PDB file of N, CA and C in Angstrom:
ATOM      1  N   UNK A   1     -16.944  -4.307  -2.331  1.00  0.00           N
ATOM      2  CA  UNK A   1     -15.872  -5.074  -1.899  1.00  0.00           C
ATOM      3  C   UNK A   1     -15.289  -5.189  -0.684  1.00  0.00           C
ATOM      4  N   UNK A   2     -14.983  -6.560  -0.266  1.00  0.00           N
ATOM      5  CA  UNK A   2     -14.482  -6.637   1.372  1.00  0.00           C
ATOM      6  C   UNK A   2     -13.173  -6.232   1.580  1.00  0.00           C
ATOM      7  N   UNK A   3     -13.019  -5.598   3.255  1.00  0.00           N
ATOM      8  CA  UNK A   3     -11.976  -4.805   3.528  1.00  0.00           C
ATOM      9  C   UNK A   3     -10.688  -5.988   3.041  1.00  0.00           C
ATOM     10  N   UNK A   4     -10.638  -7.009   3.178  1.00  0.00           N
ATOM     11  CA  UNK A   4      -9.343  -7.831   3.305  1.00  0.00           C
ATOM     12  C   UNK A   4      -9.272  -7.630   1.489  1.00  0.00           C
ATOM     13  N   UNK A   5     -10.340  -7.468   0.452  1.00  0.00           N
ATOM     14  CA  UNK A   5      -9.656  -7.848  -0.833  1.00  0.00           C
ATOM     15  C   UNK A   5      -9.122  -6.053  -0.965  1.00  0.00           C
ATOM     16  N   UNK A   6      -9.380  -5.269  -0.489  1.00  0.00           N
ATOM     17  CA  UNK A   6      -9.053  -3.905  -1.012  1.00  0.00           C
ATOM     18  C   UNK A   6      -7.540  -3.831  -0.777  1.00  0.00           C
ATOM     19  N   UNK A   7      -6.965  -4.294   0.425  1.00  0.00           N
ATOM     20  CA  UNK A   7      -5.524  -4.064   0.554  1.00  0.00           C
ATOM     21  C   UNK A   7      -5.040  -5.386   0.336  1.00  0.00           C
ATOM     22  N   UNK A   8      -3.991  -5.758  -0.572  1.00  0.00           N
ATOM     23  CA  UNK A   8      -3.506  -6.623  -1.420  1.00  0.00           C
ATOM     24  C   UNK A   8      -2.268  -7.331  -0.548  1.00  0.00           C
ATOM     25  N   UNK A   9      -0.901  -6.252  -0.149  1.00  0.00           N
ATOM     26  CA  UNK A   9       0.019  -6.425   0.437  1.00  0.00           C
ATOM     27  C   UNK A   9       0.576  -5.344   0.691  1.00  0.00           C
ATOM     28  N   UNK A  10       1.735  -5.357   1.984  1.00  0.00           N
ATOM     29  CA  UNK A  10       2.318  -4.208   2.244  1.00  0.00           C
ATOM     30  C   UNK A  10       3.490  -4.046   1.320  1.00  0.00           C
ATOM     31  N   UNK A  11       4.293  -2.950   1.272  1.00  0.00           N
ATOM     32  CA  UNK A  11       5.268  -2.841   0.093  1.00  0.00           C
ATOM     33  C   UNK A  11       6.077  -2.683   1.087  1.00  0.00           C
ATOM     34  N   UNK A  12       7.130  -3.300   1.199  1.00  0.00           N
ATOM     35  CA  UNK A  12       8.257  -3.065   2.458  1.00  0.00           C
ATOM     36  C   UNK A  12       9.564  -2.822   1.369  1.00  0.00           C
ATOM     37  N   UNK A  13      10.059  -1.928   1.436  1.00  0.00           N
ATOM     38  CA  UNK A  13      11.051  -1.717   0.425  1.00  0.00           C
ATOM     39  C   UNK A  13      11.822  -0.383   1.400  1.00  0.00           C
ATOM     40  N   UNK A  14      12.975   0.062   1.288  1.00  0.00           N
ATOM     41  CA  UNK A  14      14.072   0.655   1.923  1.00  0.00           C
ATOM     42  C   UNK A  14      13.229   2.095   1.925  1.00  0.00           C
ATOM     43  N   UNK A  15      12.609   2.456   0.823  1.00  0.00           N
ATOM     44  CA  UNK A  15      12.119   3.794   0.893  1.00  0.00           C
ATOM     45  C   UNK A  15      10.967   3.997   1.907  1.00  0.00           C
ATOM     46  N   UNK A  16      10.205   2.647   1.705  1.00  0.00           N
ATOM     47  CA  UNK A  16       8.839   2.905   2.628  1.00  0.00           C
ATOM     48  C   UNK A  16       9.316   2.590   4.147  1.00  0.00           C
ATOM     49  N   UNK A  17      10.211   2.257   4.711  1.00  0.00           N
ATOM     50  CA  UNK A  17      10.623   1.965   5.765  1.00  0.00           C
ATOM     51  C   UNK A  17      11.084   3.069   6.130  1.00  0.00           C
ATOM     52  N   UNK A  18      11.778   3.890   5.740  1.00  0.00           N
ATOM     53  CA  UNK A  18      12.336   5.225   5.937  1.00  0.00           C
ATOM     54  C   UNK A  18      10.951   6.134   6.326  1.00  0.00           C
ATOM     55  N   UNK A  19      10.250   6.234   5.325  1.00  0.00           N
ATOM     56  CA  UNK A  19       9.139   7.080   5.612  1.00  0.00           C
ATOM     57  C   UNK A  19       7.820   6.875   6.858  1.00  0.00           C
ATOM     58  N   UNK A  20       8.113   5.424   6.859  1.00  0.00           N
ATOM     59  CA  UNK A  20       7.141   4.832   8.168  1.00  0.00           C
ATOM     60  C   UNK A  20       7.711   5.230   9.291  1.00  0.00           C
ATOM     61  N   UNK A  21       9.155   5.294   9.679  1.00  0.00           N
ATOM     62  CA  UNK A  21       9.810   5.534  10.671  1.00  0.00           C
ATOM     63  C   UNK A  21       9.773   7.106  11.118  1.00  0.00           C
ATOM     64  N   UNK A  22       9.874   7.662   9.959  1.00  0.00           N
ATOM     65  CA  UNK A  22      10.272   9.279  10.165  1.00  0.00           C
ATOM     66  C   UNK A  22       8.826  10.106  10.034  1.00  0.00           C
ATOM     67  N   UNK A  23       8.211   9.647   9.075  1.00  0.00           N
ATOM     68  CA  UNK A  23       6.721  10.785   8.999  1.00  0.00           C
ATOM     69  C   UNK A  23       5.567   9.936   9.260  1.00  0.00           C
ATOM     70  N   UNK A  24       5.332   8.771   9.480  1.00  0.00           N
ATOM     71  CA  UNK A  24       4.325   8.009  10.162  1.00  0.00           C
ATOM     72  C   UNK A  24       3.292   7.544   8.588  1.00  0.00           C
ATOM     73  N   UNK A  25       4.177   7.183   7.614  1.00  0.00           N
ATOM     74  CA  UNK A  25       3.803   7.011   6.188  1.00  0.00           C
ATOM     75  C   UNK A  25       3.425   5.428   6.167  1.00  0.00           C
ATOM     76  N   UNK A  26       2.623   4.533   5.598  1.00  0.00           N
ATOM     77  CA  UNK A  26       2.602   3.214   5.401  1.00  0.00           C
ATOM     78  C   UNK A  26       2.119   3.033   3.854  1.00  0.00           C
ATOM     79  N   UNK A  27       2.874   2.138   3.317  1.00  0.00           N
ATOM     80  CA  UNK A  27       2.751   1.811   1.779  1.00  0.00           C
ATOM     81  C   UNK A  27       2.054   0.549   1.742  1.00  0.00           C
ATOM     82  N   UNK A  28       0.839   0.246   0.876  1.00  0.00           N
ATOM     83  CA  UNK A  28      -0.004  -0.581   0.602  1.00  0.00           C
ATOM     84  C   UNK A  28       0.116  -1.099  -0.879  1.00  0.00           C
ATOM     85  N   UNK A  29       0.065  -2.050  -1.531  1.00  0.00           N
ATOM     86  CA  UNK A  29      -0.514  -2.432  -2.823  1.00  0.00           C
ATOM     87  C   UNK A  29      -2.014  -2.862  -2.431  1.00  0.00           C
ATOM     88  N   UNK A  30      -2.854  -2.263  -3.462  1.00  0.00           N
ATOM     89  CA  UNK A  30      -4.418  -1.815  -3.177  1.00  0.00           C
ATOM     90  C   UNK A  30      -5.315  -2.337  -4.631  1.00  0.00           C
ATOM     91  N   UNK A  31      -6.085  -2.633  -4.542  1.00  0.00           N
ATOM     92  CA  UNK A  31      -6.945  -3.121  -5.769  1.00  0.00           C
ATOM     93  C   UNK A  31      -7.285  -1.926  -6.439  1.00  0.00           C
ATOM     94  N   UNK A  32      -6.785  -1.932  -7.707  1.00  0.00           N
ATOM     95  CA  UNK A  32      -6.855  -0.866  -8.816  1.00  0.00           C
ATOM     96  C   UNK A  32      -8.512  -0.199  -8.570  1.00  0.00           C
ATOM     97  N   UNK A  33      -9.664  -0.995  -8.438  1.00  0.00           N
ATOM     98  CA  UNK A  33     -10.951  -0.200  -8.498  1.00  0.00           C
ATOM     99  C   UNK A  33     -10.958   0.313  -6.839  1.00  0.00           C
ATOM    100  N   UNK A  34     -10.301   0.309  -5.931  1.00  0.00           N
ATOM    101  CA  UNK A  34     -10.689   0.810  -4.787  1.00  0.00           C
ATOM    102  C   UNK A  34     -10.346   2.436  -4.735  1.00  0.00           C
ATOM    103  N   UNK A  35     -11.254   3.327  -4.343  1.00  0.00           N
ATOM    104  CA  UNK A  35     -11.078   4.791  -4.087  1.00  0.00           C
ATOM    105  C   UNK A  35     -10.182   4.939  -2.674  1.00  0.00           C
ATOM    106  N   UNK A  36     -10.100   6.310  -2.549  1.00  0.00           N
ATOM    107  CA  UNK A  36      -9.555   6.670  -1.144  1.00  0.00           C
ATOM    108  C   UNK A  36     -10.664   6.251  -0.153  1.00  0.00           C
ATOM    109  N   UNK A  37     -11.556   6.432  -0.042  1.00  0.00           N
ATOM    110  CA  UNK A  37     -12.259   6.487   1.058  1.00  0.00           C
ATOM    111  C   UNK A  37     -12.479   4.866   1.138  1.00  0.00           C
ATOM    112  N   UNK A  38     -12.625   3.942   0.379  1.00  0.00           N
ATOM    113  CA  UNK A  38     -12.575   2.698   0.895  1.00  0.00           C
ATOM    114  C   UNK A  38     -11.501   2.297   1.136  1.00  0.00           C
ATOM    115  N   UNK A  39     -10.151   2.626   0.911  1.00  0.00           N
ATOM    116  CA  UNK A  39      -8.921   2.406   1.393  1.00  0.00           C
ATOM    117  C   UNK A  39      -8.732   2.881   3.045  1.00  0.00           C
ATOM    118  N   UNK A  40      -8.875   4.201   3.183  1.00  0.00           N
ATOM    119  CA  UNK A  40      -9.065   4.637   4.742  1.00  0.00           C
ATOM    120  C   UNK A  40      -9.712   3.565   5.134  1.00  0.00           C
ATOM    121  N   UNK A  41     -11.045   3.316   5.030  1.00  0.00           N
ATOM    122  CA  UNK A  41     -12.098   2.500   5.916  1.00  0.00           C
ATOM    123  C   UNK A  41     -11.511   0.960   5.724  1.00  0.00           C
ATOM    124  N   UNK A  42     -10.759   0.459   4.852  1.00  0.00           N
ATOM    125  CA  UNK A  42     -10.179  -0.899   5.174  1.00  0.00           C
ATOM    126  C   UNK A  42      -8.991  -0.732   5.977  1.00  0.00           C
ATOM    127  N   UNK A  43      -7.977   0.294   5.889  1.00  0.00           N
ATOM    128  CA  UNK A  43      -6.964   0.308   6.937  1.00  0.00           C
ATOM    129  C   UNK A  43      -7.117   0.584   8.335  1.00  0.00           C
ATOM    130  N   UNK A  44      -8.137   1.393   8.559  1.00  0.00           N
ATOM    131  CA  UNK A  44      -8.616   1.553  10.060  1.00  0.00           C
ATOM    132  C   UNK A  44      -9.684   0.152  10.828  1.00  0.00           C
ATOM    133  N   UNK A  45     -10.229  -0.153   9.912  1.00  0.00           N
ATOM    134  CA  UNK A  45     -10.870  -1.642  10.362  1.00  0.00           C
ATOM    135  C   UNK A  45      -9.807  -2.690  10.465  1.00  0.00           C
ATOM    136  N   UNK A  46      -9.328  -3.046   9.442  1.00  0.00           N
ATOM    137  CA  UNK A  46      -8.058  -4.195   9.728  1.00  0.00           C
ATOM    138  C   UNK A  46      -6.834  -3.928  10.529  1.00  0.00           C
ATOM    139  N   UNK A  47      -6.538  -2.654  10.717  1.00  0.00           N
ATOM    140  CA  UNK A  47      -5.481  -2.556  11.771  1.00  0.00           C
ATOM    141  C   UNK A  47      -5.568  -1.606  12.984  1.00  0.00           C
ATOM    142  N   UNK A  48      -6.924  -1.313  13.132  1.00  0.00           N
ATOM    143  CA  UNK A  48      -7.469  -0.664  14.457  1.00  0.00           C
ATOM    144  C   UNK A  48      -6.084   0.586  14.814  1.00  0.00           C
ATOM    145  N   UNK A  49      -6.424   1.581  13.546  1.00  0.00           N
ATOM    146  CA  UNK A  49      -5.467   2.288  13.611  1.00  0.00           C
ATOM    147  C   UNK A  49      -6.465   3.571  13.100  1.00  0.00           C
ATOM    148  N   UNK A  50      -5.943   4.914  13.368  1.00  0.00           N
ATOM    149  CA  UNK A  50      -6.592   6.408  12.682  1.00  0.00           C
ATOM    150  C   UNK A  50      -5.979   6.532  11.829  1.00  0.00           C
ATOM    151  N   UNK A  51      -6.481   6.842  10.392  1.00  0.00           N
ATOM    152  CA  UNK A  51      -5.935   7.307   9.458  1.00  0.00           C
ATOM    153  C   UNK A  51      -6.528   8.765   8.705  1.00  0.00           C
ATOM    154  N   UNK A  52      -5.013   9.515   8.863  1.00  0.00           N
ATOM    155  CA  UNK A  52      -4.898  11.349   8.122  1.00  0.00           C
ATOM    156  C   UNK A  52      -5.703  11.176   7.343  1.00  0.00           C
ATOM    157  N   UNK A  53      -4.517  10.769   6.101  1.00  0.00           N
ATOM    158  CA  UNK A  53      -4.744  11.133   4.950  1.00  0.00           C
ATOM    159  C   UNK A  53      -4.276   9.723   4.065  1.00  0.00           C
ATOM    160  N   UNK A  54      -4.988   9.499   2.856  1.00  0.00           N
ATOM    161  CA  UNK A  54      -4.566   8.559   1.693  1.00  0.00           C
ATOM    162  C   UNK A  54      -4.008   9.255   0.431  1.00  0.00           C
ATOM    163  N   UNK A  55      -3.028   8.644   0.130  1.00  0.00           N
ATOM    164  CA  UNK A  55      -2.598   9.352  -1.502  1.00  0.00           C
ATOM    165  C   UNK A  55      -2.452   8.058  -2.304  1.00  0.00           C
ATOM    166  N   UNK A  56      -3.091   8.133  -3.554  1.00  0.00           N
ATOM    167  CA  UNK A  56      -3.125   6.825  -4.223  1.00  0.00           C
ATOM    168  C   UNK A  56      -2.403   7.304  -5.537  1.00  0.00           C
ATOM    169  N   UNK A  57      -1.584   6.233  -6.384  1.00  0.00           N
ATOM    170  CA  UNK A  57      -1.063   6.336  -7.656  1.00  0.00           C
ATOM    171  C   UNK A  57      -0.945   5.007  -8.105  1.00  0.00           C
ATOM    172  N   UNK A  58      -1.383   4.965  -9.629  1.00  0.00           N
ATOM    173  CA  UNK A  58      -1.391   4.194 -10.395  1.00  0.00           C
ATOM    174  C   UNK A  58      -0.050   3.848 -11.210  1.00  0.00           C
ATOM    175  N   UNK A  59       0.589   2.722 -10.559  1.00  0.00           N
ATOM    176  CA  UNK A  59       1.825   2.312 -11.372  1.00  0.00           C
ATOM    177  C   UNK A  59       1.841   1.685 -12.361  1.00  0.00           C
ATOM    178  N   UNK A  60       2.454   2.396 -13.424  1.00  0.00           N
ATOM    179  CA  UNK A  60       2.401   2.035 -15.091  1.00  0.00           C
ATOM    180  C   UNK A  60       2.499   0.518 -15.480  1.00  0.00           C
ATOM    181  N   UNK A  61       2.467  -0.134 -16.353  1.00  0.00           N
ATOM    182  CA  UNK A  61       2.937  -1.667 -16.669  1.00  0.00           C
ATOM    183  C   UNK A  61       4.121  -1.644 -17.186  1.00  0.00           C
ATOM    184  N   UNK A  62       5.081  -2.485 -17.114  1.00  0.00           N
ATOM    185  CA  UNK A  62       6.372  -2.435 -17.400  1.00  0.00           C
ATOM    186  C   UNK A  62       6.991  -3.476 -18.262  1.00  0.00           C
ATOM    187  N   UNK A  63       7.647  -3.389 -19.291  1.00  0.00           N
ATOM    188  CA  UNK A  63       8.037  -4.212 -20.463  1.00  0.00           C
ATOM    189  C   UNK A  63       8.696  -5.495 -19.971  1.00  0.00           C
ATOM    190  N   UNK A  64       8.283  -6.536 -20.336  1.00  0.00           N
ATOM    191  CA  UNK A  64       9.477  -7.415 -19.659  1.00  0.00           C
ATOM    192  C   UNK A  64       9.430  -8.321 -20.758  1.00  0.00           C
ATOM    193  N   UNK A  65      11.007  -8.734 -20.806  1.00  0.00           N
ATOM    194  CA  UNK A  65      11.531 -10.036 -21.886  1.00  0.00           C
ATOM    195  C   UNK A  65      11.828 -11.046 -21.395  1.00  0.00           C
ATOM    196  N   UNK A  66      11.637 -12.223 -22.145  1.00  0.00           N
ATOM    197  CA  UNK A  66      12.153 -13.428 -21.483  1.00  0.00           C
ATOM    198  C   UNK A  66      12.544 -14.091 -23.226  1.00  0.00           C
ATOM    199  N   UNK A  67      13.965 -14.019 -23.467  1.00  0.00           N
ATOM    200  CA  UNK A  67      14.338 -14.498 -24.655  1.00  0.00           C
ATOM    201  C   UNK A  67      14.246 -13.893 -25.547  1.00  0.00           C
ATOM    202  N   UNK A  68      13.551 -14.341 -26.958  1.00  0.00           N
ATOM    203  CA  UNK A  68      13.173 -13.261 -28.105  1.00  0.00           C
ATOM    204  C   UNK A  68      11.574 -12.637 -27.557  1.00  0.00           C
ATOM    205  N   UNK A  69      10.789 -13.302 -26.278  1.00  0.00           N
ATOM    206  CA  UNK A  69       9.529 -12.798 -26.472  1.00  0.00           C
ATOM    207  C   UNK A  69       9.351 -11.494 -25.630  1.00  0.00           C
ATOM    208  N   UNK A  70       8.603 -10.422 -25.875  1.00  0.00           N
ATOM    209  CA  UNK A  70       8.373  -9.523 -24.983  1.00  0.00           C
ATOM    210  C   UNK A  70       7.168  -9.282 -24.823  1.00  0.00           C
ATOM    211  N   UNK A  71       6.657  -9.041 -23.480  1.00  0.00           N
ATOM    212  CA  UNK A  71       5.532  -8.995 -22.715  1.00  0.00           C
ATOM    213  C   UNK A  71       5.242  -7.671 -21.871  1.00  0.00           C
ATOM    214  N   UNK A  72       4.145  -7.665 -21.140  1.00  0.00           N
ATOM    215  CA  UNK A  72       4.304  -6.594 -19.893  1.00  0.00           C
ATOM    216  C   UNK A  72       3.787  -7.229 -18.462  1.00  0.00           C
ATOM    217  N   UNK A  73       4.416  -6.488 -17.458  1.00  0.00           N
ATOM    218  CA  UNK A  73       3.949  -6.896 -16.129  1.00  0.00           C
ATOM    219  C   UNK A  73       2.839  -5.984 -15.990  1.00  0.00           C
ATOM    220  N   UNK A  74       1.696  -6.379 -15.251  1.00  0.00           N
ATOM    221  CA  UNK A  74       0.147  -5.390 -15.090  1.00  0.00           C
ATOM    222  C   UNK A  74       0.666  -4.290 -14.376  1.00  0.00           C
ATOM    223  N   UNK A  75      -0.228  -2.964 -14.907  1.00  0.00           N
ATOM    224  CA  UNK A  75      -0.301  -1.932 -14.154  1.00  0.00           C
ATOM    225  C   UNK A  75      -0.880  -2.207 -12.874  1.00  0.00           C
ATOM    226  N   UNK A  76      -0.530  -1.658 -11.535  1.00  0.00           N
ATOM    227  CA  UNK A  76      -1.285  -1.898 -10.319  1.00  0.00           C
ATOM    228  C   UNK A  76      -1.317  -0.539  -9.395  1.00  0.00           C
ATOM    229  N   UNK A  77      -1.723  -0.565  -8.446  1.00  0.00           N
ATOM    230  CA  UNK A  77      -2.332   0.667  -7.786  1.00  0.00           C
ATOM    231  C   UNK A  77      -1.642   0.759  -6.424  1.00  0.00           C
ATOM    232  N   UNK A  78      -1.143   1.948  -5.881  1.00  0.00           N
ATOM    233  CA  UNK A  78      -0.235   2.024  -4.593  1.00  0.00           C
ATOM    234  C   UNK A  78      -0.773   3.070  -4.273  1.00  0.00           C
ATOM    235  N   UNK A  79      -0.921   2.642  -2.665  1.00  0.00           N
ATOM    236  CA  UNK A  79      -1.537   3.732  -1.540  1.00  0.00           C
ATOM    237  C   UNK A  79      -0.530   4.172  -0.887  1.00  0.00           C
ATOM    238  N   UNK A  80      -0.479   5.439  -0.085  1.00  0.00           N
ATOM    239  CA  UNK A  80       0.114   5.914   0.980  1.00  0.00           C
ATOM    240  C   UNK A  80      -0.653   6.466   1.802  1.00  0.00           C
ATOM    241  N   UNK A  81      -0.570   5.871   2.829  1.00  0.00           N
ATOM    242  CA  UNK A  81      -1.564   6.059   3.980  1.00  0.00           C
ATOM    243  C   UNK A  81      -0.614   6.890   5.421  1.00  0.00           C
ATOM    244  N   UNK A  82      -1.206   8.142   5.836  1.00  0.00           N
ATOM    245  CA  UNK A  82      -0.741   8.619   6.566  1.00  0.00           C
ATOM    246  C   UNK A  82      -1.509   8.381   8.080  1.00  0.00           C
ATOM    247  N   UNK A  83      -0.800   7.684   8.821  1.00  0.00           N
ATOM    248  CA  UNK A  83      -1.345   7.612  10.379  1.00  0.00           C
ATOM    249  C   UNK A  83      -1.516   8.659  11.433  1.00  0.00           C
ATOM    250  N   UNK A  84      -2.254   8.761  12.214  1.00  0.00           N
ATOM    251  CA  UNK A  84      -2.371   9.726  13.238  1.00  0.00           C
ATOM    252  C   UNK A  84      -1.011   9.111  13.960  1.00  0.00           C
ATOM    253  N   UNK A  85      -0.642  10.459  14.907  1.00  0.00           N
ATOM    254  CA  UNK A  85       0.283  10.127  15.538  1.00  0.00           C
ATOM    255  C   UNK A  85       0.100   9.119  16.944  1.00  0.00           C
ATOM    256  N   UNK A  86       1.260   8.492  17.068  1.00  0.00           N
ATOM    257  CA  UNK A  86       1.214   7.129  18.504  1.00  0.00           C
ATOM    258  C   UNK A  86       0.219   6.237  17.551  1.00  0.00           C
ATOM    259  N   UNK A  87      -0.027   5.989  16.348  1.00  0.00           N
ATOM    260  CA  UNK A  87      -0.505   4.828  15.816  1.00  0.00           C
ATOM    261  C   UNK A  87       0.587   4.227  15.072  1.00  0.00           C
ATOM    262  N   UNK A  88       0.820   2.958  14.930  1.00  0.00           N
ATOM    263  CA  UNK A  88       1.683   2.413  14.056  1.00  0.00           C
ATOM    264  C   UNK A  88       1.039   0.974  13.298  1.00  0.00           C
ATOM    265  N   UNK A  89       1.802   0.464  12.279  1.00  0.00           N
ATOM    266  CA  UNK A  89       1.181  -0.860  12.255  1.00  0.00           C
ATOM    267  C   UNK A  89       2.737  -1.657  12.051  1.00  0.00           C
ATOM    268  N   UNK A  90       2.792  -2.559  12.163  1.00  0.00           N
ATOM    269  CA  UNK A  90       3.907  -3.775  12.481  1.00  0.00           C
ATOM    270  C   UNK A  90       4.021  -4.561  11.725  1.00  0.00           C
ATOM    271  N   UNK A  91       4.501  -4.741  10.801  1.00  0.00           N
ATOM    272  CA  UNK A  91       4.453  -5.896   9.868  1.00  0.00           C
ATOM    273  C   UNK A  91       5.178  -7.294  10.185  1.00  0.00           C
ATOM    274  N   UNK A  92       6.338  -6.764  10.859  1.00  0.00           N
ATOM    275  CA  UNK A  92       7.388  -7.598  11.337  1.00  0.00           C
ATOM    276  C   UNK A  92       7.494  -7.756  12.573  1.00  0.00           C
ATOM    277  N   UNK A  93       7.005  -8.551  13.641  1.00  0.00           N
ATOM    278  CA  UNK A  93       7.188  -8.593  14.896  1.00  0.00           C
ATOM    279  C   UNK A  93       8.538  -9.420  15.413  1.00  0.00           C
ATOM    280  N   UNK A  94       9.500  -8.841  16.049  1.00  0.00           N
ATOM    281  CA  UNK A  94      10.754  -9.927  16.459  1.00  0.00           C
ATOM    282  C   UNK A  94      10.594  -9.381  17.997  1.00  0.00           C
ATOM    283  N   UNK A  95      11.682 -10.285  18.797  1.00  0.00           N
ATOM    284  CA  UNK A  95      11.865 -10.263  19.829  1.00  0.00           C
ATOM    285  C   UNK A  95      13.146  -8.983  20.084  1.00  0.00           C
TER     286      UNK A  95
END
């Protein structure tokens, strides 16, 4: 698996922004087949930072309804990455 295929997108929520500022944690949606070592290697190479730990969790599928029809949103994998002190990843660069 290629590095850019492992990291799907950053998760930008209020909770992830607070943890990024206070504890130097960054949250990503990742490929469900990726393990912690692959995620660590991908983040270090793509963003040029040092990673201390990686925590992963599989988010369960959720029921979705449209009119009378029921369906499901797919399950997905989330990774919370702790960066070394002094290293950051900026998703939005402003003036």
